[in-house]
Protein backbone atom coordinates (compact mmCIF):
# COMPACT_ATOMS: atom_id res chain seq x y z
CA UNK A 1 4.88 1.94 19.78
CA UNK A 2 1.57 1.11 18.14
CA UNK A 3 1.56 0.84 14.38
CA UNK A 4 0.07 3.96 12.75
CA UNK A 5 -0.25 5.82 9.46
CA UNK A 6 2.07 8.86 9.53
CA UNK A 7 1.12 10.46 6.21
CA UNK A 8 0.19 9.80 2.62
CA UNK A 9 1.46 11.23 -0.64
CA UNK A 10 0.01 13.00 -2.48
CA UNK A 11 -1.66 14.55 0.56
CA UNK A 12 -4.96 14.81 -1.32
CA UNK A 13 -7.69 12.52 -2.63
CA UNK A 14 -6.27 12.31 -6.15
CA UNK A 15 -3.08 10.22 -6.52
CA UNK A 16 -0.15 11.06 -8.79
CA UNK A 17 -1.15 10.25 -12.36
CA UNK A 18 0.16 10.38 -15.92
CA UNK A 19 -0.60 8.94 -19.36
CA UNK A 20 1.75 7.05 -21.67
CA UNK A 21 4.82 7.18 -19.42
CA UNK A 22 7.73 4.82 -18.67
CA UNK A 23 7.62 5.58 -14.92
CA UNK A 24 5.91 7.87 -12.41
CA UNK A 25 7.13 9.31 -9.11
CA UNK A 26 5.55 11.11 -6.17
CA UNK A 27 7.41 13.12 -3.50
CA UNK A 28 6.37 13.40 0.16
CA UNK A 29 5.76 17.03 1.14
CA UNK A 30 7.59 16.59 4.48
CA UNK A 31 10.56 14.54 5.66
CA UNK A 32 10.13 10.79 6.05
CA UNK A 33 11.62 9.16 9.17
CA UNK A 34 14.37 6.56 8.99
CA UNK A 35 13.23 3.19 10.30
CA UNK A 36 9.63 3.63 9.16
CA UNK A 37 7.79 1.53 6.57
CA UNK A 38 6.79 2.87 3.16
CA UNK A 39 3.93 1.33 1.20
CA UNK A 40 2.95 2.20 -2.38
CA UNK A 41 -0.25 1.49 -4.29
CA UNK A 42 -0.33 1.80 -8.07
CA UNK A 43 -2.53 1.00 -11.04
CA UNK A 44 -1.85 0.79 -14.78
CA UNK A 45 -3.87 0.74 -17.98
CA UNK A 46 -2.74 -0.17 -21.47
CA UNK A 47 -4.38 -1.30 -24.69
CA UNK A 48 -3.53 -4.99 -24.38
CA UNK A 49 -2.24 -6.82 -21.31
CA UNK A 50 -1.33 -4.47 -18.45
CA UNK A 51 2.40 -4.53 -17.61
CA UNK A 52 3.94 -5.68 -14.36
CA UNK A 53 5.26 -3.03 -11.93
CA UNK A 54 8.31 -2.49 -9.74
CA UNK A 55 8.81 0.15 -7.04
CA UNK A 56 11.86 2.16 -5.99
CA UNK A 57 12.82 5.43 -4.30
CA UNK A 58 15.58 8.05 -4.34
CA UNK A 59 17.08 6.97 -0.97
CA UNK A 60 18.47 3.63 -2.24
CA UNK A 61 16.04 1.62 -0.12
CA UNK A 62 15.22 -1.97 -1.02
CA UNK A 63 11.65 -2.46 -2.25
CA UNK A 64 9.78 -5.71 -2.63
CA UNK A 65 8.89 -6.41 -6.25
CA UNK A 66 5.29 -6.48 -5.03
CA UNK A 67 3.50 -7.40 -1.85
CA UNK A 68 0.68 -8.32 -4.23
CA UNK A 69 -0.03 -7.63 -7.91
CA UNK A 70 -3.43 -8.30 -9.45
CA UNK A 71 -4.24 -8.30 -13.16
CA UNK A 72 -7.77 -7.04 -13.68
CA UNK A 73 -10.57 -8.74 -15.51
CA UNK A 74 -10.05 -8.23 -19.23
CA UNK A 75 -6.24 -7.87 -18.77
CA UNK A 76 -5.94 -4.14 -19.65
CA UNK A 77 -5.65 -3.03 -16.00
CA UNK A 78 -3.43 -4.00 -13.09
CA UNK A 79 -3.22 -2.92 -9.45
CA UNK A 80 -0.28 -3.53 -7.11
CA UNK A 81 0.93 -2.90 -3.57
CA UNK A 82 4.68 -2.60 -2.89
CA UNK A 83 6.67 -1.81 0.26
CA UNK A 84 10.06 -0.98 1.74
CA UNK A 85 10.78 -1.76 5.41
CA UNK A 86 12.98 0.23 7.80
CA UNK A 87 13.77 2.85 5.20
CA UNK A 88 16.43 5.50 5.13
CA UNK A 89 14.27 8.61 5.24
CA UNK A 90 14.78 12.33 4.80
CA UNK A 91 13.77 15.33 2.72
CA UNK A 92 12.25 15.19 -0.80
CA UNK A 93 11.67 11.44 -0.48
CA UNK A 94 10.34 10.28 -3.85
CA UNK A 95 8.67 6.92 -4.50
CA UNK A 96 8.61 5.71 -8.13
CA UNK A 97 6.70 2.98 -9.93
CA UNK A 98 8.16 1.58 -13.15
CA UNK A 99 5.97 -0.63 -15.36
CA UNK A 100 7.46 -3.17 -17.74
CA UNK A 101 6.04 -1.13 -20.65
CA UNK A 102 5.00 2.51 -21.04
CA UNK A 103 1.37 2.98 -20.03
CA UNK A 104 -1.08 5.14 -18.06
CA UNK A 105 -0.33 5.10 -14.31
CA UNK A 106 -1.77 6.18 -10.95
CA UNK A 107 0.42 6.11 -7.81
CA UNK A 108 0.02 6.79 -4.10
CA UNK A 109 2.46 6.27 -1.20
CA UNK A 110 2.12 5.97 2.57
CA UNK A 111 4.53 6.24 5.51
CA UNK A 112 3.81 3.97 8.50
CA UNK A 113 5.43 4.06 11.95
CA UNK A 114 5.63 1.22 14.48
CA UNK A 115 5.86 -1.55 11.85
CA UNK A 116 8.23 -4.51 11.90
CA UNK A 117 11.60 -3.48 10.51
CA UNK A 118 12.11 -6.71 8.57
CA UNK A 119 9.64 -9.11 6.91
CA UNK A 120 6.67 -6.85 7.77
CA UNK A 121 4.07 -8.78 5.77
CA UNK A 122 1.65 -10.68 7.99
CA UNK A 123 -1.05 -13.00 6.73
CA UNK A 124 -1.23 -13.72 3.01
CA UNK A 125 -1.60 -10.84 0.52
CA UNK A 126 -4.42 -11.68 -1.89
CA UNK A 127 -6.11 -10.31 -4.99
CA UNK A 128 -9.13 -10.90 -7.15
CA UNK A 129 -10.63 -9.80 -10.46
CA UNK A 130 -14.12 -9.66 -11.90
CA UNK A 131 -16.69 -7.71 -13.88
CA UNK A 132 -19.49 -6.23 -11.79
CA UNK A 133 -20.41 -3.23 -9.63
CA UNK A 134 -18.59 -4.70 -6.60
CA UNK A 135 -14.77 -4.80 -6.47
CA UNK A 136 -13.47 -6.99 -3.64
CA UNK A 137 -9.94 -8.14 -2.83
CA UNK A 138 -10.60 -11.35 -0.97
CA UNK A 139 -9.70 -11.74 2.71
CA UNK A 140 -6.38 -11.57 4.55
CA UNK A 141 -5.86 -12.25 8.26
CA UNK A 142 -2.91 -10.64 10.07
CA UNK A 143 -1.32 -12.44 13.01
CA UNK A 144 -1.77 -9.67 15.56
CA UNK A 145 -1.94 -5.89 15.24
CA UNK A 146 -1.38 -4.59 11.73
CA UNK A 147 -2.17 -1.92 9.19
CA UNK A 148 -4.04 -3.44 6.26
CA UNK A 149 -3.96 -1.65 2.90
CA UNK A 150 -6.20 -2.40 -0.06
CA UNK A 151 -6.27 -1.07 -3.61
CA UNK A 152 -8.59 -1.38 -6.59
CA UNK A 153 -8.78 -0.41 -10.26
CA UNK A 154 -11.52 -0.59 -12.88
CA UNK A 155 -11.65 -0.01 -16.63
CA UNK A 156 -14.23 1.46 -18.97
CA UNK A 157 -16.22 4.69 -19.04
CA UNK A 158 -15.93 7.00 -16.04
CA UNK A 159 -18.20 6.30 -13.10
CA UNK A 160 -17.99 6.47 -9.31
CA UNK A 161 -15.64 4.40 -7.17
CA UNK A 162 -16.94 4.40 -3.58
CA UNK A 163 -15.16 2.81 -0.62
CA UNK A 164 -17.31 0.03 0.82
CA UNK A 165 -14.95 -1.35 3.48
CA UNK A 166 -16.30 -1.11 7.03
CA UNK A 167 -14.27 1.18 9.34
CA UNK A 168 -11.51 1.69 6.74
CA UNK A 169 -10.24 5.16 5.79
CA UNK A 170 -9.79 6.26 2.19
CA UNK A 171 -6.28 7.10 1.05
CA UNK A 172 -6.69 7.93 -2.65
CA UNK A 173 -9.54 7.87 -5.16
CA UNK A 174 -9.24 8.49 -8.90
CA UNK A 175 -12.36 7.48 -10.84
CA UNK A 176 -11.44 9.31 -14.08
CA UNK A 177 -10.55 7.07 -17.03
CA UNK A 178 -8.31 9.76 -18.53
CA UNK A 179 -5.96 7.84 -16.22
CA UNK A 180 -6.30 4.31 -14.88
CA UNK A 181 -8.60 4.43 -11.89
CA UNK A 182 -7.19 3.86 -8.41
CA UNK A 183 -8.92 3.46 -5.08
CA UNK A 184 -6.85 2.83 -1.96
CA UNK A 185 -7.70 2.60 1.75
CA UNK A 186 -6.32 1.35 5.07
CA UNK A 187 -7.38 0.12 8.50
CA UNK A 188 -5.49 -0.59 11.73
CA UNK A 189 -6.77 -3.97 12.91
CA UNK A 190 -6.00 -7.38 14.37
CA UNK A 191 -8.67 -9.32 12.49
CA UNK A 192 -9.53 -10.61 9.03
CA UNK A 193 -10.20 -7.88 6.44
CA UNK A 194 -11.52 -7.65 2.88
CA UNK A 195 -11.03 -4.44 0.88
CA UNK A 196 -14.16 -3.52 -1.08
CA UNK A 197 -15.44 -0.76 -3.34
CA UNK A 198 -18.77 -0.13 -5.09
CA UNK A 199 -18.51 0.90 -8.75
CA UNK A 200 -21.29 3.12 -10.10
CA UNK A 201 -21.82 0.82 -13.11
CA UNK A 202 -20.69 -2.68 -14.00
CA UNK A 203 -17.01 -2.61 -14.98
CA UNK A 204 -14.06 -4.98 -15.28
CA UNK A 205 -11.99 -4.57 -12.09
CA UNK A 206 -9.04 -5.84 -10.06
CA UNK A 207 -8.44 -5.49 -6.32
CA UNK A 208 -5.79 -6.57 -3.81
CA UNK A 209 -4.96 -6.36 -0.10
CA UNK A 210 -1.88 -6.75 2.13
CA UNK A 211 -1.30 -6.51 5.89
CA UNK A 212 1.80 -5.06 7.58
CA UNK A 213 2.66 -6.19 11.11
CA UNK A 214 3.22 -4.08 14.19
CA UNK A 215 6.72 -4.32 15.66
CA UNK A 216 7.01 -6.62 18.66
CA UNK A 217 7.35 -4.78 21.95
CA UNK A 218 10.53 -5.40 23.94
CA UNK A 219 10.06 -5.93 27.67
CA UNK A 220 12.56 -4.15 29.92
CA UNK A 221 15.12 -6.40 31.63
CA UNK A 222 14.58 -6.57 35.39
CA UNK A 223 17.74 -7.04 37.46
CA UNK A 224 17.17 -8.92 40.76
CA UNK A 225 17.94 -6.75 43.83
CA UNK A 226 20.85 -8.95 45.02
CA UNK A 227 22.49 -8.87 41.57
CA UNK A 228 21.93 -5.13 41.32
CA UNK A 229 23.65 -4.65 44.71
CA UNK A 230 26.56 -6.82 43.64
CA UNK A 231 26.92 -4.80 40.44
CA UNK A 232 27.08 -1.56 42.45
CA UNK A 233 29.65 -3.02 44.87
CA UNK A 234 31.74 -4.31 42.01
């Protein structure tokens, strides 16, 4: 089965968001499927150095601490991508991000089918930070078919955050600095990719990218005719 995006949560452009909280969750609006991959993208803002983040869910699945976590330029913002492979799915599946200190948070989650059920990361997750109108993650190269997910955050006065990643599809976009900003996008590919956004004015930013591998296909076992006949006779 080819790797594919099943759905995102929230199922809208704006991600889940809150200010001054110790954690934030988002709940898929339809059942998730056991054996699929879940990926989460999150961003934080705080006055000071942005906290680290961990991910979890309400189905007792194991989550990586982070596929990649990138502190933004100026330190007040952070963006991260986390994942859980071969999940136990079901109804009211809630993904939660917990920062190491209370802060403003944005969060989005994705369900992916056809991914490897263990060690799904392929290539090297990377991140970058800067201060400009161009937020770019740096490049990752999957070894074969994959879904590649990128995320970005910027700080400062509200402006536009426009996806500038060829052939990629937007997942979430929150350019309002009432919350930390969050842009996220994905592409199904087998080649090198760099996640990129254009910011409407020069801002401090952080961006990151990670690739998740397609499950290896299993060839059917062919039984030679003589052996097959012997098995029937036996």
